[in-house]
Amino acid sequence: MRKTTIGVVLLIVGVIGLVAVYSMRPPSGLSEALMMMAEGRQNFIKEPFYQIFMAISGSISLFGMLQIIAGVSGGKGSQS
């Protein structure tokens, strides 16, 4: 049960990180940059850091999923 709890927490943190980083993505072209200016959004994460933060958040989410799977499969074997 302990691995499952840690996995759920890591999964939630990773998904929140993915959403937060994605909401601060850099503009991908001129039209998107103009739309950002029209909306008043002037804060964004620059390109290499955006990709690094997305990779870290994705890795945390993946590690959380692996912990959940390990906790569930390990719990079934010990109950038999």
N, C-alpha and C. Protein backbone atom coordinates (compact mmCIF):
# COMPACT_ATOMS: atom_id res chain seq x y z
N MET A 1 0.83 -1.20 0.00
CA MET A 1 0.00 0.00 0.00
C MET A 1 0.87 1.26 0.00
N ARG A 2 2.02 1.16 0.58
CA ARG A 2 2.90 2.32 0.68
C ARG A 2 3.37 2.78 -0.70
N LYS A 3 3.76 1.84 -1.56
CA LYS A 3 4.19 2.20 -2.91
C LYS A 3 3.04 2.81 -3.69
N THR A 4 1.85 2.31 -3.49
CA THR A 4 0.69 2.83 -4.19
C THR A 4 0.42 4.28 -3.78
N THR A 5 0.53 4.58 -2.50
CA THR A 5 0.30 5.94 -2.02
C THR A 5 1.35 6.89 -2.57
N ILE A 6 2.61 6.48 -2.54
CA ILE A 6 3.68 7.32 -3.09
C ILE A 6 3.46 7.52 -4.59
N GLY A 7 3.04 6.47 -5.28
CA GLY A 7 2.78 6.56 -6.71
C GLY A 7 1.67 7.53 -7.04
N VAL A 8 0.61 7.50 -6.25
CA VAL A 8 -0.51 8.42 -6.48
C VAL A 8 -0.07 9.86 -6.27
N VAL A 9 0.71 10.10 -5.21
CA VAL A 9 1.20 11.46 -4.94
C VAL A 9 2.10 11.93 -6.08
N LEU A 10 3.03 11.07 -6.52
CA LEU A 10 3.93 11.45 -7.61
C LEU A 10 3.16 11.68 -8.91
N LEU A 11 2.16 10.87 -9.16
CA LEU A 11 1.36 11.05 -10.38
C LEU A 11 0.62 12.38 -10.34
N ILE A 12 0.04 12.73 -9.22
CA ILE A 12 -0.68 14.00 -9.10
C ILE A 12 0.29 15.18 -9.26
N VAL A 13 1.45 15.10 -8.61
CA VAL A 13 2.44 16.18 -8.73
C VAL A 13 2.92 16.31 -10.17
N GLY A 14 3.17 15.19 -10.83
CA GLY A 14 3.64 15.22 -12.21
C GLY A 14 2.62 15.80 -13.17
N VAL A 15 1.36 15.43 -12.99
CA VAL A 15 0.30 15.95 -13.87
C VAL A 15 0.10 17.45 -13.64
N ILE A 16 0.12 17.87 -12.39
CA ILE A 16 0.00 19.30 -12.10
C ILE A 16 1.19 20.05 -12.71
N GLY A 17 2.40 19.46 -12.61
CA GLY A 17 3.57 20.08 -13.23
C GLY A 17 3.44 20.18 -14.73
N LEU A 18 2.94 19.12 -15.37
CA LEU A 18 2.74 19.16 -16.82
C LEU A 18 1.76 20.26 -17.22
N VAL A 19 0.67 20.38 -16.49
CA VAL A 19 -0.33 21.41 -16.81
C VAL A 19 0.26 22.81 -16.60
N ALA A 20 0.97 22.99 -15.49
CA ALA A 20 1.54 24.31 -15.19
C ALA A 20 2.59 24.72 -16.23
N VAL A 21 3.46 23.78 -16.59
CA VAL A 21 4.50 24.10 -17.57
C VAL A 21 3.89 24.32 -18.94
N TYR A 22 2.91 23.50 -19.31
CA TYR A 22 2.28 23.67 -20.63
C TYR A 22 1.55 25.01 -20.73
N SER A 23 1.01 25.48 -19.63
CA SER A 23 0.31 26.76 -19.68
C SER A 23 1.27 27.93 -19.88
N MET A 24 2.56 27.70 -19.63
CA MET A 24 3.57 28.75 -19.81
C MET A 24 4.43 28.49 -21.05
N ARG A 25 3.91 27.74 -22.03
CA ARG A 25 4.69 27.37 -23.20
C ARG A 25 5.04 28.60 -24.03
N PRO A 26 6.19 28.53 -24.72
CA PRO A 26 6.59 29.66 -25.56
C PRO A 26 5.78 29.67 -26.86
N PRO A 27 5.66 30.82 -27.50
CA PRO A 27 4.94 30.86 -28.77
C PRO A 27 5.70 30.09 -29.84
N SER A 28 4.97 29.35 -30.67
CA SER A 28 5.61 28.53 -31.68
C SER A 28 5.71 29.23 -33.04
N GLY A 29 5.06 30.33 -33.20
CA GLY A 29 5.11 31.05 -34.47
C GLY A 29 4.65 32.48 -34.29
N LEU A 30 4.65 33.21 -35.38
CA LEU A 30 4.27 34.61 -35.34
C LEU A 30 2.81 34.79 -34.96
N SER A 31 1.94 33.95 -35.49
CA SER A 31 0.51 34.09 -35.19
C SER A 31 0.23 33.82 -33.71
N GLU A 32 0.90 32.82 -33.16
CA GLU A 32 0.70 32.52 -31.74
C GLU A 32 1.28 33.63 -30.86
N ALA A 33 2.40 34.21 -31.30
CA ALA A 33 2.99 35.33 -30.55
C ALA A 33 2.05 36.54 -30.56
N LEU A 34 1.42 36.79 -31.68
CA LEU A 34 0.47 37.91 -31.76
C LEU A 34 -0.76 37.65 -30.90
N MET A 35 -1.22 36.39 -30.87
CA MET A 35 -2.37 36.06 -30.03
C MET A 35 -2.02 36.21 -28.55
N MET A 36 -0.79 35.84 -28.18
CA MET A 36 -0.37 36.01 -26.79
C MET A 36 -0.33 37.49 -26.42
N MET A 37 0.15 38.32 -27.33
CA MET A 37 0.19 39.76 -27.06
C MET A 37 -1.23 40.32 -26.94
N ALA A 38 -2.14 39.84 -27.79
CA ALA A 38 -3.52 40.32 -27.75
C ALA A 38 -4.21 39.91 -26.45
N GLU A 39 -3.86 38.74 -25.93
CA GLU A 39 -4.45 38.28 -24.66
C GLU A 39 -3.79 38.94 -23.46
N GLY A 40 -2.65 39.56 -23.66
CA GLY A 40 -1.96 40.19 -22.55
C GLY A 40 -1.00 39.27 -21.84
N ARG A 41 -0.77 38.08 -22.39
CA ARG A 41 0.19 37.14 -21.79
C ARG A 41 1.58 37.48 -22.28
N GLN A 42 2.42 37.91 -21.37
CA GLN A 42 3.79 38.23 -21.76
C GLN A 42 4.81 37.35 -21.05
N ASN A 43 4.36 36.49 -20.17
CA ASN A 43 5.26 35.60 -19.46
C ASN A 43 5.20 34.21 -20.08
N PHE A 44 6.37 33.67 -20.37
CA PHE A 44 6.46 32.30 -20.86
C PHE A 44 7.84 31.77 -20.53
N ILE A 45 7.95 30.44 -20.58
CA ILE A 45 9.23 29.78 -20.31
C ILE A 45 9.97 29.65 -21.64
N LYS A 46 11.21 30.04 -21.66
CA LYS A 46 12.00 29.96 -22.89
C LYS A 46 12.19 28.51 -23.31
N GLU A 47 12.47 28.30 -24.60
CA GLU A 47 12.42 26.98 -25.23
C GLU A 47 13.24 25.88 -24.55
N PRO A 48 14.52 26.01 -24.29
CA PRO A 48 15.19 24.83 -23.72
C PRO A 48 14.68 24.48 -22.31
N PHE A 49 14.36 25.50 -21.52
CA PHE A 49 13.86 25.25 -20.17
C PHE A 49 12.46 24.65 -20.20
N TYR A 50 11.65 25.06 -21.17
CA TYR A 50 10.31 24.50 -21.33
C TYR A 50 10.40 23.00 -21.57
N GLN A 51 11.28 22.59 -22.47
CA GLN A 51 11.41 21.16 -22.78
C GLN A 51 11.97 20.39 -21.59
N ILE A 52 12.91 20.99 -20.86
CA ILE A 52 13.48 20.35 -19.68
C ILE A 52 12.42 20.15 -18.61
N PHE A 53 11.63 21.20 -18.34
CA PHE A 53 10.59 21.10 -17.31
C PHE A 53 9.49 20.12 -17.71
N MET A 54 9.15 20.07 -19.01
CA MET A 54 8.17 19.10 -19.47
C MET A 54 8.70 17.67 -19.29
N ALA A 55 9.97 17.46 -19.59
CA ALA A 55 10.57 16.13 -19.43
C ALA A 55 10.62 15.72 -17.96
N ILE A 56 10.95 16.65 -17.08
CA ILE A 56 10.99 16.34 -15.64
C ILE A 56 9.60 16.00 -15.14
N SER A 57 8.60 16.81 -15.51
CA SER A 57 7.23 16.55 -15.07
C SER A 57 6.70 15.23 -15.63
N GLY A 58 7.02 14.96 -16.89
CA GLY A 58 6.61 13.68 -17.49
C GLY A 58 7.27 12.50 -16.82
N SER A 59 8.55 12.65 -16.45
CA SER A 59 9.26 11.58 -15.76
C SER A 59 8.68 11.31 -14.38
N ILE A 60 8.31 12.37 -13.68
CA ILE A 60 7.68 12.21 -12.36
C ILE A 60 6.35 11.46 -12.51
N SER A 61 5.57 11.84 -13.53
CA SER A 61 4.29 11.15 -13.76
C SER A 61 4.52 9.68 -14.09
N LEU A 62 5.49 9.40 -14.96
CA LEU A 62 5.78 8.02 -15.33
C LEU A 62 6.27 7.22 -14.13
N PHE A 63 7.14 7.79 -13.31
CA PHE A 63 7.62 7.11 -12.12
C PHE A 63 6.47 6.84 -11.15
N GLY A 64 5.53 7.78 -11.04
CA GLY A 64 4.35 7.56 -10.20
C GLY A 64 3.51 6.40 -10.70
N MET A 65 3.33 6.32 -12.03
CA MET A 65 2.57 5.20 -12.60
C MET A 65 3.27 3.87 -12.32
N LEU A 66 4.60 3.86 -12.45
CA LEU A 66 5.35 2.63 -12.17
C LEU A 66 5.23 2.24 -10.71
N GLN A 67 5.23 3.21 -9.81
CA GLN A 67 5.08 2.90 -8.39
C GLN A 67 3.69 2.34 -8.10
N ILE A 68 2.68 2.89 -8.74
CA ILE A 68 1.32 2.38 -8.56
C ILE A 68 1.23 0.94 -9.04
N ILE A 69 1.78 0.67 -10.23
CA ILE A 69 1.73 -0.68 -10.79
C ILE A 69 2.50 -1.65 -9.89
N ALA A 70 3.67 -1.23 -9.41
CA ALA A 70 4.46 -2.10 -8.52
C ALA A 70 3.74 -2.33 -7.20
N GLY A 71 3.08 -1.31 -6.68
CA GLY A 71 2.36 -1.47 -5.43
C GLY A 71 1.16 -2.37 -5.54
N VAL A 72 0.42 -2.24 -6.65
CA VAL A 72 -0.76 -3.07 -6.85
C VAL A 72 -0.37 -4.51 -7.13
N SER A 73 0.63 -4.71 -7.98
CA SER A 73 1.02 -6.09 -8.29
C SER A 73 1.73 -6.75 -7.11
N GLY A 74 2.46 -5.98 -6.32
CA GLY A 74 3.11 -6.53 -5.14
C GLY A 74 2.11 -6.85 -4.04
N GLY A 75 1.07 -6.07 -3.94
CA GLY A 75 0.04 -6.30 -2.92
C GLY A 75 -0.78 -7.53 -3.18
N LYS A 76 -1.03 -7.85 -4.46
CA LYS A 76 -1.80 -9.05 -4.79
C LYS A 76 -1.03 -10.32 -4.47
N GLY A 77 0.29 -10.30 -4.70
CA GLY A 77 1.09 -11.49 -4.45
C GLY A 77 1.21 -11.81 -2.98
N SER A 78 1.23 -10.82 -2.12
CA SER A 78 1.41 -11.06 -0.68
C SER A 78 0.11 -11.46 0.00
N GLN A 79 -1.05 -11.20 -0.61
CA GLN A 79 -2.31 -11.55 -0.01
C GLN A 79 -2.68 -13.00 -0.25
N SER A 80 -2.12 -13.63 -1.26
CA SER A 80 -2.49 -15.02 -1.61
C SER A 80 -2.02 -16.01 -0.60
